[in-house]
Amino acid sequence: MNRLKNIVSGFVKSSISLPFLATAAVADVLPRDLDQDPSTVEAYYDTEFDITAIAHPNLPLSERFGIPRTVDTTCTNGIFCNETQPGIDRFGFMEWPTADEYIASMNNENYMGRSDW
């Protein structure tokens, strides 16, 4: 669970995102085959940070694992905001408590044959 918690923090509303993997040396980022199909890569393992990142950077947009989508509201400054709503927003972002719930749901559904995200 801690591995994906570090990765999902990239989806949490902040300036952190999965492109942090691009900063590591190519030799330090190894492809991971999770579905036993050698022609596909489902995740990448970063040996320097000891974390595994899902290869699909926008997974929360396509697989919500039962987590609700937030409803866009317009803030007073005219931009969209979801500060008080739990769930996954229209960009795939989520707050930390939602990320914890997301990971637990991935584990419960045995995503990619794994229950230790």
Protein backbone atom coordinates (compact mmCIF):
# COMPACT_ATOMS: atom_id res chain seq x y z
CA MET A 1 0.00 0.00 0.00
CA ASN A 2 2.86 2.39 0.70
CA ARG A 3 4.25 1.95 -2.81
CA LEU A 4 1.13 3.25 -4.50
CA LYS A 5 0.51 5.83 -1.78
CA ASN A 6 3.76 7.46 -2.88
CA ILE A 7 2.66 7.27 -6.49
CA VAL A 8 -0.90 8.41 -5.95
CA SER A 9 0.50 11.45 -4.19
CA GLY A 10 1.34 12.50 -7.74
CA PHE A 11 -2.38 12.52 -8.46
CA VAL A 12 -3.17 14.42 -5.26
CA LYS A 13 -3.69 18.14 -5.77
CA SER A 14 -0.15 19.42 -5.75
CA SER A 15 2.63 20.15 -8.17
CA ILE A 16 3.88 16.54 -7.99
CA SER A 17 3.06 14.25 -10.91
CA LEU A 18 4.32 11.03 -12.49
CA PRO A 19 6.86 12.81 -14.72
CA PHE A 20 9.20 12.68 -11.70
CA LEU A 21 10.17 9.26 -13.08
CA ALA A 22 11.72 10.96 -16.10
CA THR A 23 14.31 12.60 -13.85
CA ALA A 24 15.81 9.28 -12.79
CA ALA A 25 18.49 7.63 -14.88
CA VAL A 26 17.07 5.22 -17.44
CA ALA A 27 18.98 2.34 -15.81
CA ASP A 28 17.18 3.07 -12.53
CA VAL A 29 13.65 2.77 -13.95
CA LEU A 30 12.74 -0.80 -14.81
CA PRO A 31 9.61 -1.99 -16.61
CA ARG A 32 7.34 -4.33 -14.64
CA ASP A 33 5.14 -6.95 -16.25
CA LEU A 34 2.18 -7.51 -13.93
CA ASP A 35 -0.19 -9.44 -16.20
CA GLN A 36 2.28 -12.09 -17.43
CA ASP A 37 2.05 -10.70 -21.00
CA PRO A 38 5.64 -9.95 -22.07
CA SER A 39 4.43 -7.63 -24.84
CA THR A 40 3.01 -5.09 -22.37
CA VAL A 41 4.32 -3.03 -19.46
CA GLU A 42 1.86 -2.21 -16.69
CA ALA A 43 4.19 -0.46 -14.24
CA TYR A 44 7.68 0.91 -13.75
CA TYR A 45 9.95 0.29 -10.78
CA ASP A 46 12.31 3.07 -9.68
CA THR A 47 15.29 1.49 -7.94
CA GLU A 48 16.51 4.77 -6.46
CA PHE A 49 13.22 5.60 -4.71
CA ASP A 50 12.07 1.96 -4.26
CA ILE A 51 8.62 2.68 -5.65
CA THR A 52 6.49 1.21 -8.39
CA ALA A 53 4.45 3.55 -10.59
CA ILE A 54 1.50 2.45 -12.66
CA ALA A 55 2.29 2.90 -16.35
CA HIS A 56 -1.13 4.46 -16.96
CA PRO A 57 -0.68 8.04 -15.71
CA ASN A 58 -4.39 8.86 -15.82
CA LEU A 59 -5.72 5.69 -14.21
CA PRO A 60 -8.12 7.56 -11.89
CA LEU A 61 -9.89 8.98 -14.96
CA SER A 62 -10.62 5.56 -16.45
CA GLU A 63 -10.74 3.30 -13.37
CA ARG A 64 -12.37 4.85 -10.30
CA PHE A 65 -12.73 1.61 -8.28
CA GLY A 66 -16.03 2.83 -6.84
CA ILE A 67 -14.70 6.25 -5.81
CA PRO A 68 -17.21 8.95 -6.83
CA ARG A 69 -16.38 11.72 -9.24
CA THR A 70 -16.58 15.20 -7.75
CA VAL A 71 -19.03 17.77 -9.06
CA ASP A 72 -17.38 20.88 -10.47
CA THR A 73 -18.26 24.04 -8.65
CA THR A 74 -17.25 27.53 -9.64
CA CYS A 75 -15.28 29.51 -7.08
CA THR A 76 -15.66 33.23 -6.63
CA ASN A 77 -12.64 33.88 -8.86
CA GLY A 78 -14.34 32.12 -11.80
CA ILE A 79 -12.19 28.99 -11.92
CA PHE A 80 -13.35 25.48 -11.13
CA CYS A 81 -12.55 24.19 -7.66
CA ASN A 82 -13.40 21.16 -5.52
CA GLU A 83 -11.70 21.99 -2.24
CA THR A 84 -14.39 20.55 0.01
CA GLN A 85 -15.61 17.60 -2.06
CA PRO A 86 -14.22 14.10 -1.64
CA GLY A 87 -13.69 12.02 -4.76
CA ILE A 88 -11.83 12.18 -8.05
CA ASP A 89 -12.14 15.43 -9.99
CA ARG A 90 -12.46 15.81 -13.75
CA PHE A 91 -8.66 15.85 -14.13
CA GLY A 92 -8.08 12.69 -12.08
CA PHE A 93 -6.86 14.59 -9.02
CA MET A 94 -7.90 13.63 -5.49
CA GLU A 95 -7.20 14.66 -1.92
CA TRP A 96 -5.02 12.46 0.34
CA PRO A 97 -7.92 10.72 2.18
CA THR A 98 -9.47 9.86 -1.20
CA ALA A 99 -6.10 8.52 -2.39
CA ASP A 100 -6.01 6.21 0.65
CA GLU A 101 -9.51 4.99 -0.19
CA TYR A 102 -8.53 4.60 -3.86
CA ILE A 103 -5.57 2.37 -2.98
CA ALA A 104 -7.68 0.29 -0.60
CA SER A 105 -10.24 -0.18 -3.38
CA MET A 106 -7.51 -1.21 -5.85
CA ASN A 107 -6.35 -3.82 -3.33
CA ASN A 108 -9.90 -5.05 -2.69
CA GLU A 109 -10.46 -5.48 -6.43
CA ASN A 110 -7.07 -7.20 -6.84
CA TYR A 111 -6.08 -4.75 -9.58
CA MET A 112 -3.60 -6.28 -12.05
CA GLY A 113 -3.60 -9.44 -9.94
CA ARG A 114 -2.11 -7.63 -6.94
CA SER A 115 -3.52 -6.72 -3.55
CA ASP A 116 -0.48 -4.91 -2.12
CA TRP A 117 -0.56 -1.56 -3.87
